[in-house]
PDB file of N, CA and C in Angstrom:
ATOM      1  N   MET A   1     -55.760-151.147-128.210  1.00  0.00           N
ATOM      2  CA  MET A   1     -56.946-150.761-127.958  1.00  0.00           C
ATOM      3  C   MET A   1     -57.008-150.646-126.232  1.00  0.00           C
ATOM      4  N   PRO A   2     -57.116-149.197-125.739  1.00  0.00           N
ATOM      5  CA  PRO A   2     -57.339-149.293-124.178  1.00  0.00           C
ATOM      6  C   PRO A   2     -58.469-149.909-123.870  1.00  0.00           C
ATOM      7  N   THR A   3     -58.818-150.352-122.728  1.00  0.00           N
ATOM      8  CA  THR A   3     -60.176-150.659-122.097  1.00  0.00           C
ATOM      9  C   THR A   3     -60.792-149.547-121.662  1.00  0.00           C
ATOM     10  N   ARG A   4     -62.181-149.728-121.514  1.00  0.00           N
ATOM     11  CA  ARG A   4     -62.459-148.780-120.708  1.00  0.00           C
ATOM     12  C   ARG A   4     -62.884-148.939-119.685  1.00  0.00           C
ATOM     13  N   PRO A   5     -62.691-148.521-118.484  1.00  0.00           N
ATOM     14  CA  PRO A   5     -63.491-149.100-117.289  1.00  0.00           C
ATOM     15  C   PRO A   5     -64.350-149.562-117.361  1.00  0.00           C
ATOM     16  N   LEU A   6     -64.475-150.319-116.461  1.00  0.00           N
ATOM     17  CA  LEU A   6     -66.059-151.092-115.839  1.00  0.00           C
ATOM     18  C   LEU A   6     -67.226-149.589-115.014  1.00  0.00           C
ATOM     19  N   HIS A   7     -67.730-149.812-115.551  1.00  0.00           N
ATOM     20  CA  HIS A   7     -69.282-148.786-114.765  1.00  0.00           C
ATOM     21  C   HIS A   7     -70.138-149.632-113.581  1.00  0.00           C
ATOM     22  N   LEU A   8     -69.493-149.050-112.489  1.00  0.00           N
ATOM     23  CA  LEU A   8     -70.004-149.476-111.553  1.00  0.00           C
ATOM     24  C   LEU A   8     -70.987-148.967-110.974  1.00  0.00           C
ATOM     25  N   PRO A   9     -72.255-148.973-110.897  1.00  0.00           N
ATOM     26  CA  PRO A   9     -72.999-147.961-110.058  1.00  0.00           C
ATOM     27  C   PRO A   9     -73.155-147.748-108.632  1.00  0.00           C
ATOM     28  N   ALA A  10     -73.090-146.781-108.481  1.00  0.00           N
ATOM     29  CA  ALA A  10     -72.924-146.677-106.775  1.00  0.00           C
ATOM     30  C   ALA A  10     -74.076-147.656-105.854  1.00  0.00           C
ATOM     31  N   PRO A  11     -73.364-147.851-105.070  1.00  0.00           N
ATOM     32  CA  PRO A  11     -74.779-148.431-103.699  1.00  0.00           C
ATOM     33  C   PRO A  11     -75.250-146.913-103.344  1.00  0.00           C
ATOM     34  N   SER A  12     -77.191-146.945-103.343  1.00  0.00           N
ATOM     35  CA  SER A  12     -77.656-146.380-102.960  1.00  0.00           C
ATOM     36  C   SER A  12     -79.405-146.680-102.252  1.00  0.00           C
ATOM     37  N   PRO A  13     -79.805-146.167-101.802  1.00  0.00           N
ATOM     38  CA  PRO A  13     -81.104-146.527-100.872  1.00  0.00           C
ATOM     39  C   PRO A  13     -82.047-147.386-101.936  1.00  0.00           C
ATOM     40  N   GLU A  14     -82.385-146.688-103.410  1.00  0.00           N
ATOM     41  CA  GLU A  14     -82.920-146.946-104.589  1.00  0.00           C
ATOM     42  C   GLU A  14     -82.574-148.853-104.532  1.00  0.00           C
ATOM     43  N   ILE A  15     -81.170-148.660-105.061  1.00  0.00           N
ATOM     44  CA  ILE A  15     -80.599-150.238-105.515  1.00  0.00           C
ATOM     45  C   ILE A  15     -80.940-151.287-104.241  1.00  0.00           C
ATOM     46  N   SER A  16     -80.663-150.575-102.682  1.00  0.00           N
ATOM     47  CA  SER A  16     -81.198-151.495-101.998  1.00  0.00           C
ATOM     48  C   SER A  16     -82.792-152.081-101.623  1.00  0.00           C
ATOM     49  N   ARG A  17     -83.353-151.173-101.927  1.00  0.00           N
ATOM     50  CA  ARG A  17     -84.702-151.533-101.923  1.00  0.00           C
ATOM     51  C   ARG A  17     -85.555-152.558-102.985  1.00  0.00           C
ATOM     52  N   GLU A  18     -84.458-152.231-103.812  1.00  0.00           N
ATOM     53  CA  GLU A  18     -85.166-153.174-104.986  1.00  0.00           C
ATOM     54  C   GLU A  18     -84.540-154.559-104.956  1.00  0.00           C
ATOM     55  N   ARG A  19     -83.368-154.674-104.366  1.00  0.00           N
ATOM     56  CA  ARG A  19     -83.372-155.505-104.016  1.00  0.00           C
ATOM     57  C   ARG A  19     -83.917-156.382-103.207  1.00  0.00           C
ATOM     58  N   THR A  20     -84.373-155.744-102.014  1.00  0.00           N
ATOM     59  CA  THR A  20     -85.065-156.397-101.182  1.00  0.00           C
ATOM     60  C   THR A  20     -86.773-157.101-101.493  1.00  0.00           C
ATOM     61  N   ARG A  21     -87.214-155.963-102.670  1.00  0.00           N
ATOM     62  CA  ARG A  21     -88.362-155.572-102.987  1.00  0.00           C
ATOM     63  C   ARG A  21     -88.194-157.321-104.013  1.00  0.00           C
ATOM     64  N   LEU A  22     -87.347-157.119-105.005  1.00  0.00           N
ATOM     65  CA  LEU A  22     -87.613-158.237-105.681  1.00  0.00           C
ATOM     66  C   LEU A  22     -86.944-160.004-104.934  1.00  0.00           C
ATOM     67  N   ALA A  23     -86.226-160.059-103.862  1.00  0.00           N
ATOM     68  CA  ALA A  23     -86.484-160.813-102.827  1.00  0.00           C
ATOM     69  C   ALA A  23     -86.034-160.915-101.704  1.00  0.00           C
ATOM     70  N   PRO A  24     -87.135-160.329-100.998  1.00  0.00           N
ATOM     71  CA  PRO A  24     -87.345-159.972 -99.343  1.00  0.00           C
ATOM     72  C   PRO A  24     -86.569-160.821 -98.382  1.00  0.00           C
ATOM     73  N   GLY A  25     -87.102-162.102 -98.507  1.00  0.00           N
ATOM     74  CA  GLY A  25     -86.697-163.186 -97.545  1.00  0.00           C
ATOM     75  C   GLY A  25     -85.041-163.671 -97.707  1.00  0.00           C
ATOM     76  N   PRO A  26     -84.319-163.534 -98.965  1.00  0.00           N
ATOM     77  CA  PRO A  26     -83.084-163.528 -98.656  1.00  0.00           C
ATOM     78  C   PRO A  26     -82.388-162.332 -98.358  1.00  0.00           C
ATOM     79  N   ALA A  27     -83.163-161.062 -98.760  1.00  0.00           N
ATOM     80  CA  ALA A  27     -82.180-160.083 -98.633  1.00  0.00           C
ATOM     81  C   ALA A  27     -82.321-159.735 -96.846  1.00  0.00           C
ATOM     82  N   GLU A  28     -83.436-160.193 -96.362  1.00  0.00           N
ATOM     83  CA  GLU A  28     -83.806-159.984 -94.771  1.00  0.00           C
ATOM     84  C   GLU A  28     -82.428-160.652 -94.264  1.00  0.00           C
ATOM     85  N   ALA A  29     -82.471-162.368 -94.396  1.00  0.00           N
ATOM     86  CA  ALA A  29     -82.074-163.167 -93.696  1.00  0.00           C
ATOM     87  C   ALA A  29     -80.048-162.733 -94.212  1.00  0.00           C
ATOM     88  N   PHE A  30     -79.821-161.684 -95.335  1.00  0.00           N
ATOM     89  CA  PHE A  30     -78.392-161.382 -95.450  1.00  0.00           C
ATOM     90  C   PHE A  30     -78.294-160.737 -94.633  1.00  0.00           C
ATOM     91  N   HIS A  31     -78.821-159.369 -94.336  1.00  0.00           N
ATOM     92  CA  HIS A  31     -78.808-158.599 -93.609  1.00  0.00           C
ATOM     93  C   HIS A  31     -78.116-158.898 -92.416  1.00  0.00           C
ATOM     94  N   ALA A  32     -79.469-159.925 -91.558  1.00  0.00           N
ATOM     95  CA  ALA A  32     -79.760-160.322 -90.510  1.00  0.00           C
ATOM     96  C   ALA A  32     -78.164-161.177 -90.385  1.00  0.00           C
ATOM     97  N   PHE A  33     -77.296-162.086 -91.156  1.00  0.00           N
ATOM     98  CA  PHE A  33     -76.304-163.170 -90.772  1.00  0.00           C
ATOM     99  C   PHE A  33     -75.233-161.766 -91.085  1.00  0.00           C
ATOM    100  N   SER A  34     -74.934-160.813 -92.112  1.00  0.00           N
ATOM    101  CA  SER A  34     -74.242-160.060 -91.865  1.00  0.00           C
ATOM    102  C   SER A  34     -74.085-159.177 -90.612  1.00  0.00           C
ATOM    103  N   LYS A  35     -74.898-158.648 -89.741  1.00  0.00           N
ATOM    104  CA  LYS A  35     -74.875-157.835 -88.776  1.00  0.00           C
ATOM    105  C   LYS A  35     -74.278-158.461 -87.611  1.00  0.00           C
ATOM    106  N   SER A  36     -74.939-160.367 -87.737  1.00  0.00           N
ATOM    107  CA  SER A  36     -74.569-161.195 -86.868  1.00  0.00           C
ATOM    108  C   SER A  36     -72.684-161.269 -86.771  1.00  0.00           C
ATOM    109  N   VAL A  37     -72.241-161.707 -88.099  1.00  0.00           N
ATOM    110  CA  VAL A  37     -70.909-161.989 -88.178  1.00  0.00           C
ATOM    111  C   VAL A  37     -70.056-160.404 -88.171  1.00  0.00           C
ATOM    112  N   PHE A  38     -70.346-159.321 -88.267  1.00  0.00           N
ATOM    113  CA  PHE A  38     -70.001-158.492 -87.774  1.00  0.00           C
ATOM    114  C   PHE A  38     -69.809-157.700 -86.756  1.00  0.00           C
ATOM    115  N   ALA A  39     -70.610-158.817 -85.776  1.00  0.00           N
ATOM    116  CA  ALA A  39     -70.978-157.732 -84.527  1.00  0.00           C
ATOM    117  C   ALA A  39     -69.937-158.390 -83.627  1.00  0.00           C
ATOM    118  N   ALA A  40     -69.278-157.678 -82.167  1.00  0.00           N
ATOM    119  CA  ALA A  40     -68.212-158.085 -81.677  1.00  0.00           C
ATOM    120  C   ALA A  40     -68.556-159.321 -80.779  1.00  0.00           C
ATOM    121  N   GLY A  41     -67.405-160.166 -80.894  1.00  0.00           N
ATOM    122  CA  GLY A  41     -67.749-161.244 -80.127  1.00  0.00           C
ATOM    123  C   GLY A  41     -66.209-161.969 -79.965  1.00  0.00           C
ATOM    124  N   ALA A  42     -65.569-163.448 -80.060  1.00  0.00           N
ATOM    125  CA  ALA A  42     -64.204-163.412 -79.812  1.00  0.00           C
ATOM    126  C   ALA A  42     -63.391-162.783 -80.197  1.00  0.00           C
ATOM    127  N   LEU A  43     -63.479-161.846 -81.426  1.00  0.00           N
ATOM    128  CA  LEU A  43     -63.065-161.156 -82.052  1.00  0.00           C
ATOM    129  C   LEU A  43     -63.723-159.832 -82.233  1.00  0.00           C
ATOM    130  N   PRO A  44     -62.976-158.680 -81.871  1.00  0.00           N
ATOM    131  CA  PRO A  44     -63.399-157.685 -82.041  1.00  0.00           C
ATOM    132  C   PRO A  44     -64.140-156.979 -83.235  1.00  0.00           C
ATOM    133  N   THR A  45     -64.960-156.213 -83.611  1.00  0.00           N
ATOM    134  CA  THR A  45     -65.143-155.880 -84.760  1.00  0.00           C
ATOM    135  C   THR A  45     -64.376-155.046 -85.623  1.00  0.00           C
ATOM    136  N   ARG A  46     -63.119-154.711 -85.027  1.00  0.00           N
ATOM    137  CA  ARG A  46     -62.438-153.734 -85.851  1.00  0.00           C
ATOM    138  C   ARG A  46     -61.501-155.015 -86.283  1.00  0.00           C
ATOM    139  N   THR A  47     -61.429-156.171 -85.932  1.00  0.00           N
ATOM    140  CA  THR A  47     -60.516-157.341 -86.382  1.00  0.00           C
ATOM    141  C   THR A  47     -61.509-157.914 -87.631  1.00  0.00           C
ATOM    142  N   LYS A  48     -62.553-158.064 -87.166  1.00  0.00           N
ATOM    143  CA  LYS A  48     -63.484-158.682 -88.366  1.00  0.00           C
ATOM    144  C   LYS A  48     -63.432-157.645 -89.489  1.00  0.00           C
ATOM    145  N   GLN A  49     -63.426-156.517 -89.702  1.00  0.00           N
ATOM    146  CA  GLN A  49     -62.901-155.571 -90.677  1.00  0.00           C
ATOM    147  C   GLN A  49     -62.226-155.508 -91.266  1.00  0.00           C
ATOM    148  N   LEU A  50     -60.747-155.703 -90.774  1.00  0.00           N
ATOM    149  CA  LEU A  50     -59.404-155.971 -91.332  1.00  0.00           C
ATOM    150  C   LEU A  50     -59.447-157.094 -91.878  1.00  0.00           C
ATOM    151  N   ILE A  51     -60.000-158.631 -91.415  1.00  0.00           N
ATOM    152  CA  ILE A  51     -60.290-159.510 -92.314  1.00  0.00           C
ATOM    153  C   ILE A  51     -61.325-159.562 -93.774  1.00  0.00           C
ATOM    154  N   ALA A  52     -62.050-158.647 -93.579  1.00  0.00           N
ATOM    155  CA  ALA A  52     -62.756-158.308 -94.505  1.00  0.00           C
ATOM    156  C   ALA A  52     -62.514-157.699 -95.887  1.00  0.00           C
ATOM    157  N   VAL A  53     -61.692-156.791 -95.236  1.00  0.00           N
ATOM    158  CA  VAL A  53     -60.716-155.923 -96.416  1.00  0.00           C
ATOM    159  C   VAL A  53     -59.589-157.095 -97.252  1.00  0.00           C
ATOM    160  N   ALA A  54     -59.616-157.560 -96.376  1.00  0.00           N
ATOM    161  CA  ALA A  54     -58.506-158.718 -96.841  1.00  0.00           C
ATOM    162  C   ALA A  54     -58.831-159.363 -97.887  1.00  0.00           C
ATOM    163  N   VAL A  55     -60.340-160.547 -97.385  1.00  0.00           N
ATOM    164  CA  VAL A  55     -60.667-161.112 -98.372  1.00  0.00           C
ATOM    165  C   VAL A  55     -61.988-160.360 -99.603  1.00  0.00           C
ATOM    166  N   ALA A  56     -61.845-159.229 -99.593  1.00  0.00           N
ATOM    167  CA  ALA A  56     -62.114-158.607-100.197  1.00  0.00           C
ATOM    168  C   ALA A  56     -61.021-158.321-101.431  1.00  0.00           C
ATOM    169  N   HIS A  57     -60.072-158.280-101.129  1.00  0.00           N
ATOM    170  CA  HIS A  57     -58.928-158.145-102.148  1.00  0.00           C
ATOM    171  C   HIS A  57     -58.815-159.382-102.888  1.00  0.00           C
ATOM    172  N   VAL A  58     -59.486-160.521-102.154  1.00  0.00           N
ATOM    173  CA  VAL A  58     -58.981-161.485-102.765  1.00  0.00           C
ATOM    174  C   VAL A  58     -60.024-161.890-103.658  1.00  0.00           C
ATOM    175  N   THR A  59     -61.179-161.640-103.248  1.00  0.00           N
ATOM    176  CA  THR A  59     -62.302-162.048-104.374  1.00  0.00           C
ATOM    177  C   THR A  59     -62.537-160.643-104.985  1.00  0.00           C
ATOM    178  N   GLN A  60     -61.866-159.911-104.639  1.00  0.00           N
ATOM    179  CA  GLN A  60     -61.953-158.650-106.170  1.00  0.00           C
ATOM    180  C   GLN A  60     -62.951-157.723-106.314  1.00  0.00           C
ATOM    181  N   CYS A  61     -64.160-157.742-105.035  1.00  0.00           N
ATOM    182  CA  CYS A  61     -65.291-156.990-105.264  1.00  0.00           C
ATOM    183  C   CYS A  61     -64.936-155.418-104.580  1.00  0.00           C
ATOM    184  N   PRO A  62     -64.742-154.751-106.293  1.00  0.00           N
ATOM    185  CA  PRO A  62     -65.056-153.511-105.528  1.00  0.00           C
ATOM    186  C   PRO A  62     -65.721-152.685-104.394  1.00  0.00           C
ATOM    187  N   TYR A  63     -67.052-153.460-104.699  1.00  0.00           N
ATOM    188  CA  TYR A  63     -67.853-152.896-103.589  1.00  0.00           C
ATOM    189  C   TYR A  63     -67.394-152.964-101.793  1.00  0.00           C
ATOM    190  N   CYS A  64     -67.434-154.531-101.784  1.00  0.00           N
ATOM    191  CA  CYS A  64     -66.701-154.665-100.189  1.00  0.00           C
ATOM    192  C   CYS A  64     -65.272-154.704-100.875  1.00  0.00           C
ATOM    193  N   ILE A  65     -64.478-153.953-101.183  1.00  0.00           N
ATOM    194  CA  ILE A  65     -63.240-153.180-100.862  1.00  0.00           C
ATOM    195  C   ILE A  65     -63.864-151.940 -99.924  1.00  0.00           C
ATOM    196  N   GLN A  66     -64.429-151.337-100.992  1.00  0.00           N
ATOM    197  CA  GLN A  66     -64.928-149.839-100.704  1.00  0.00           C
ATOM    198  C   GLN A  66     -65.694-149.684 -98.961  1.00  0.00           C
ATOM    199  N   GLY A  67     -66.642-150.838 -99.136  1.00  0.00           N
ATOM    200  CA  GLY A  67     -67.287-150.728 -97.773  1.00  0.00           C
ATOM    201  C   GLY A  67     -66.486-150.894 -96.913  1.00  0.00           C
ATOM    202  N   HIS A  68     -65.554-152.239 -96.828  1.00  0.00           N
ATOM    203  CA  HIS A  68     -65.222-152.818 -95.741  1.00  0.00           C
ATOM    204  C   HIS A  68     -63.729-151.843 -95.205  1.00  0.00           C
ATOM    205  N   THR A  69     -63.115-151.080 -96.621  1.00  0.00           N
ATOM    206  CA  THR A  69     -62.172-150.375 -96.011  1.00  0.00           C
ATOM    207  C   THR A  69     -62.305-148.990 -94.986  1.00  0.00           C
ATOM    208  N   LYS A  70     -63.894-148.985 -95.570  1.00  0.00           N
ATOM    209  CA  LYS A  70     -64.143-147.006 -94.646  1.00  0.00           C
ATOM    210  C   LYS A  70     -64.917-147.968 -93.053  1.00  0.00           C
ATOM    211  N   ALA A  71     -65.599-149.300 -93.359  1.00  0.00           N
ATOM    212  CA  ALA A  71     -66.248-149.891 -92.057  1.00  0.00           C
ATOM    213  C   ALA A  71     -64.679-150.064 -91.148  1.00  0.00           C
ATOM    214  N   ALA A  72     -63.607-150.423 -91.512  1.00  0.00           N
ATOM    215  CA  ALA A  72     -62.438-150.838 -90.954  1.00  0.00           C
ATOM    216  C   ALA A  72     -61.890-150.072 -90.309  1.00  0.00           C
ATOM    217  N   ARG A  73     -61.869-148.365 -90.972  1.00  0.00           N
ATOM    218  CA  ARG A  73     -61.588-147.312 -90.569  1.00  0.00           C
ATOM    219  C   ARG A  73     -62.578-146.613 -89.543  1.00  0.00           C
ATOM    220  N   ARG A  74     -63.920-146.752 -89.539  1.00  0.00           N
ATOM    221  CA  ARG A  74     -64.426-146.263 -88.560  1.00  0.00           C
ATOM    222  C   ARG A  74     -64.392-146.645 -87.128  1.00  0.00           C
ATOM    223  N   GLU A  75     -64.471-148.249 -87.609  1.00  0.00           N
ATOM    224  CA  GLU A  75     -63.702-149.060 -86.386  1.00  0.00           C
ATOM    225  C   GLU A  75     -62.295-148.878 -85.731  1.00  0.00           C
ATOM    226  N   GLY A  76     -61.350-147.751 -86.089  1.00  0.00           N
ATOM    227  CA  GLY A  76     -60.178-147.538 -85.653  1.00  0.00           C
ATOM    228  C   GLY A  76     -59.060-147.591 -86.176  1.00  0.00           C
ATOM    229  N   ALA A  77     -59.633-148.982 -87.198  1.00  0.00           N
ATOM    230  CA  ALA A  77     -58.041-149.478 -88.108  1.00  0.00           C
ATOM    231  C   ALA A  77     -57.592-148.458 -88.887  1.00  0.00           C
ATOM    232  N   SER A  78     -55.961-148.478 -88.612  1.00  0.00           N
ATOM    233  CA  SER A  78     -54.970-147.511 -89.459  1.00  0.00           C
ATOM    234  C   SER A  78     -55.111-147.664 -90.765  1.00  0.00           C
ATOM    235  N   PRO A  79     -54.584-146.672 -91.651  1.00  0.00           N
ATOM    236  CA  PRO A  79     -54.440-146.654 -93.311  1.00  0.00           C
ATOM    237  C   PRO A  79     -53.208-147.829 -92.760  1.00  0.00           C
ATOM    238  N   GLU A  80     -52.216-148.242 -92.000  1.00  0.00           N
ATOM    239  CA  GLU A  80     -50.882-148.901 -92.022  1.00  0.00           C
ATOM    240  C   GLU A  80     -51.695-150.401 -91.924  1.00  0.00           C
ATOM    241  N   GLU A  81     -52.309-150.710 -90.751  1.00  0.00           N
ATOM    242  CA  GLU A  81     -53.265-151.784 -90.660  1.00  0.00           C
ATOM    243  C   GLU A  81     -53.710-152.349 -91.738  1.00  0.00           C
ATOM    244  N   ILE A  82     -54.551-151.044 -92.663  1.00  0.00           N
ATOM    245  CA  ILE A  82     -55.302-151.760 -93.474  1.00  0.00           C
ATOM    246  C   ILE A  82     -54.422-152.103 -94.595  1.00  0.00           C
ATOM    247  N   MET A  83     -53.585-151.353 -95.085  1.00  0.00           N
ATOM    248  CA  MET A  83     -53.072-152.062 -95.855  1.00  0.00           C
ATOM    249  C   MET A  83     -52.134-152.918 -95.632  1.00  0.00           C
ATOM    250  N   GLU A  84     -51.216-153.588 -94.451  1.00  0.00           N
ATOM    251  CA  GLU A  84     -51.091-154.515 -94.370  1.00  0.00           C
ATOM    252  C   GLU A  84     -51.983-155.856 -94.249  1.00  0.00           C
ATOM    253  N   ALA A  85     -53.259-155.744 -93.949  1.00  0.00           N
ATOM    254  CA  ALA A  85     -53.738-156.722 -94.133  1.00  0.00           C
ATOM    255  C   ALA A  85     -54.285-157.228 -95.697  1.00  0.00           C
ATOM    256  N   ILE A  86     -54.176-155.821 -96.666  1.00  0.00           N
ATOM    257  CA  ILE A  86     -54.741-155.766 -97.983  1.00  0.00           C
ATOM    258  C   ILE A  86     -52.454-156.738 -98.157  1.00  0.00           C
ATOM    259  N   TRP A  87     -51.847-156.851 -97.735  1.00  0.00           N
ATOM    260  CA  TRP A  87     -50.479-157.956 -98.238  1.00  0.00           C
ATOM    261  C   TRP A  87     -50.874-159.096 -97.877  1.00  0.00           C
ATOM    262  N   VAL A  88     -50.874-159.689 -96.499  1.00  0.00           N
ATOM    263  CA  VAL A  88     -51.803-160.589 -96.381  1.00  0.00           C
ATOM    264  C   VAL A  88     -52.296-161.204 -97.101  1.00  0.00           C
ATOM    265  N   ALA A  89     -53.571-160.801 -97.430  1.00  0.00           N
ATOM    266  CA  ALA A  89     -54.051-160.983 -98.513  1.00  0.00           C
ATOM    267  C   ALA A  89     -53.664-161.190 -99.913  1.00  0.00           C
ATOM    268  N   ALA A  90     -52.640-160.555-100.384  1.00  0.00           N
ATOM    269  CA  ALA A  90     -51.505-160.538-101.652  1.00  0.00           C
ATOM    270  C   ALA A  90     -51.022-161.890-101.646  1.00  0.00           C
ATOM    271  N   GLU A  91     -49.902-162.052 -99.971  1.00  0.00           N
ATOM    272  CA  GLU A  91     -49.203-163.136 -99.871  1.00  0.00           C
ATOM    273  C   GLU A  91     -49.995-164.372-100.249  1.00  0.00           C
ATOM    274  N   MET A  92     -51.452-164.813 -99.360  1.00  0.00           N
ATOM    275  CA  MET A  92     -52.231-165.810 -99.850  1.00  0.00           C
ATOM    276  C   MET A  92     -52.893-166.428-100.765  1.00  0.00           C
ATOM    277  N   ARG A  93     -52.641-165.242-101.430  1.00  0.00           N
ATOM    278  CA  ARG A  93     -53.363-165.610-102.604  1.00  0.00           C
ATOM    279  C   ARG A  93     -52.304-166.219-103.931  1.00  0.00           C
ATOM    280  N   ALA A  94     -50.747-165.365-103.780  1.00  0.00           N
ATOM    281  CA  ALA A  94     -49.525-165.784-104.415  1.00  0.00           C
ATOM    282  C   ALA A  94     -49.673-167.068-103.724  1.00  0.00           C
ATOM    283  N   GLY A  95     -49.769-167.511-102.891  1.00  0.00           N
ATOM    284  CA  GLY A  95     -49.360-168.666-101.922  1.00  0.00           C
ATOM    285  C   GLY A  95     -49.867-170.345-102.111  1.00  0.00           C
ATOM    286  N   GLY A  96     -51.357-169.477-102.471  1.00  0.00           N
ATOM    287  CA  GLY A  96     -52.264-170.900-102.925  1.00  0.00           C
ATOM    288  C   GLY A  96     -51.821-171.208-104.589  1.00  0.00           C
ATOM    289  N   ALA A  97     -51.358-170.198-105.322  1.00  0.00           N
ATOM    290  CA  ALA A  97     -50.909-170.483-106.674  1.00  0.00           C
ATOM    291  C   ALA A  97     -49.863-171.455-106.578  1.00  0.00           C
ATOM    292  N   PHE A  98     -48.733-170.933-106.059  1.00  0.00           N
ATOM    293  CA  PHE A  98     -47.729-171.563-105.356  1.00  0.00           C
ATOM    294  C   PHE A  98     -47.737-173.072-104.847  1.00  0.00           C
ATOM    295  N   ALA A  99     -48.737-173.453-104.145  1.00  0.00           N
ATOM    296  CA  ALA A  99     -48.670-174.079-103.235  1.00  0.00           C
ATOM    297  C   ALA A  99     -49.345-175.068-104.641  1.00  0.00           C
ATOM    298  N   HIS A 100     -50.512-174.805-105.291  1.00  0.00           N
ATOM    299  CA  HIS A 100     -51.055-175.663-106.338  1.00  0.00           C
ATOM    300  C   HIS A 100     -50.149-176.128-107.346  1.00  0.00           C
ATOM    301  N   SER A 101     -48.999-175.414-107.562  1.00  0.00           N
ATOM    302  CA  SER A 101     -48.148-176.443-108.409  1.00  0.00           C
ATOM    303  C   SER A 101     -47.794-177.378-108.315  1.00  0.00           C
ATOM    304  N   ALA A 102     -48.099-178.244-107.132  1.00  0.00           N
ATOM    305  CA  ALA A 102     -48.289-179.122-106.904  1.00  0.00           C
ATOM    306  C   ALA A 102     -49.201-180.314-108.213  1.00  0.00           C
ATOM    307  N   ILE A 103     -50.399-179.436-107.901  1.00  0.00           N
ATOM    308  CA  ILE A 103     -51.360-180.551-109.053  1.00  0.00           C
ATOM    309  C   ILE A 103     -50.555-180.277-110.516  1.00  0.00           C
ATOM    310  N   ALA A 104     -49.921-179.336-110.840  1.00  0.00           N
ATOM    311  CA  ALA A 104     -48.892-179.411-112.397  1.00  0.00           C
ATOM    312  C   ALA A 104     -47.994-180.452-112.141  1.00  0.00           C
ATOM    313  N   LEU A 105     -47.374-180.252-111.103  1.00  0.00           N
ATOM    314  CA  LEU A 105     -46.041-181.363-111.119  1.00  0.00           C
ATOM    315  C   LEU A 105     -46.814-182.741-111.227  1.00  0.00           C
ATOM    316  N   ASP A 106     -48.020-183.297-110.608  1.00  0.00           N
ATOM    317  CA  ASP A 106     -48.503-184.148-110.534  1.00  0.00           C
ATOM    318  C   ASP A 106     -49.020-184.944-112.244  1.00  0.00           C
ATOM    319  N   ALA A 107     -49.621-183.696-113.035  1.00  0.00           N
ATOM    320  CA  ALA A 107     -50.453-183.977-113.944  1.00  0.00           C
ATOM    321  C   ALA A 107     -49.358-184.244-114.479  1.00  0.00           C
ATOM    322  N   MET A 108     -48.027-183.689-114.638  1.00  0.00           N
ATOM    323  CA  MET A 108     -47.003-183.920-115.854  1.00  0.00           C
ATOM    324  C   MET A 108     -46.553-185.283-115.736  1.00  0.00           C
ATOM    325  N   GLY A 109     -46.719-185.802-114.294  1.00  0.00           N
ATOM    326  CA  GLY A 109     -46.189-187.072-114.155  1.00  0.00           C
ATOM    327  C   GLY A 109     -44.987-187.219-113.853  1.00  0.00           C
ATOM    328  N   LEU A 110     -44.243-186.328-112.822  1.00  0.00           N
ATOM    329  CA  LEU A 110     -43.156-185.946-112.794  1.00  0.00           C
ATOM    330  C   LEU A 110     -43.317-187.171-111.448  1.00  0.00           C
ATOM    331  N   PRO A 111     -41.903-188.023-111.434  1.00  0.00           N
ATOM    332  CA  PRO A 111     -41.457-188.572-110.136  1.00  0.00           C
ATOM    333  C   PRO A 111     -41.420-187.692-108.936  1.00  0.00           C
ATOM    334  N   GLU A 112     -41.256-188.329-107.720  1.00  0.00           N
ATOM    335  CA  GLU A 112     -41.054-187.740-106.382  1.00  0.00           C
ATOM    336  C   GLU A 112     -39.711-186.808-106.676  1.00  0.00           C
ATOM    337  N   GLY A 113     -38.558-187.852-107.368  1.00  0.00           N
ATOM    338  CA  GLY A 113     -37.507-187.550-107.323  1.00  0.00           C
ATOM    339  C   GLY A 113     -36.862-185.998-108.124  1.00  0.00           C
ATOM    340  N   GLU A 114     -37.799-186.393-109.171  1.00  0.00           N
ATOM    341  CA  GLU A 114     -37.335-185.310-110.379  1.00  0.00           C
ATOM    342  C   GLU A 114     -38.435-183.869-110.083  1.00  0.00           C
ATOM    343  N   ARG A 115     -39.436-184.016-109.062  1.00  0.00           N
ATOM    344  CA  ARG A 115     -40.174-182.847-108.980  1.00  0.00           C
ATOM    345  C   ARG A 115     -39.287-181.923-108.360  1.00  0.00           C
ATOM    346  N   SER A 116     -37.642-181.635-107.370  1.00  0.00           N
ATOM    347  CA  SER A 116     -36.961-180.736-106.650  1.00  0.00           C
ATOM    348  C   SER A 116     -36.090-180.658-107.646  1.00  0.00           C
ATOM    349  N   SER A 117     -35.782-181.015-108.473  1.00  0.00           N
ATOM    350  CA  SER A 117     -35.283-180.426-109.778  1.00  0.00           C
ATOM    351  C   SER A 117     -35.766-179.690-111.009  1.00  0.00           C
ATOM    352  N   ALA A 118     -36.955-179.934-110.300  1.00  0.00           N
ATOM    353  CA  ALA A 118     -38.376-179.100-111.778  1.00  0.00           C
ATOM    354  C   ALA A 118     -38.152-177.477-111.350  1.00  0.00           C
ATOM    355  N   GLY A 119     -37.689-177.405-110.691  1.00  0.00           N
ATOM    356  CA  GLY A 119     -37.752-175.490-110.278  1.00  0.00           C
ATOM    357  C   GLY A 119     -38.912-175.415-109.023  1.00  0.00           C
TER     358      GLY A 119
END
């Protein structure tokens, strides 16, 4: 049976206002923090947005993927740069799973010498 796609409400000024109304302090602090993080510094804003695109794919946040992809484009990132950032994220995610196989090998109690032949 096919699954229905997840309905994601579109970001809107109304949703933003409601979040701020319900918790004004944290909302204001988060916005200030975000503005500070993405401001140009040792890294240009464009690079920070490319990093955000990659991280958004690892965290699998559709809002972040959309928002930071658009922000990266506004900052001058090319489609090729954005796709390369996504591939970096994919490699890091896969690499983490591969590296953590050491935990499974340890849990199986394989001695160091047998680990190399385990695959």
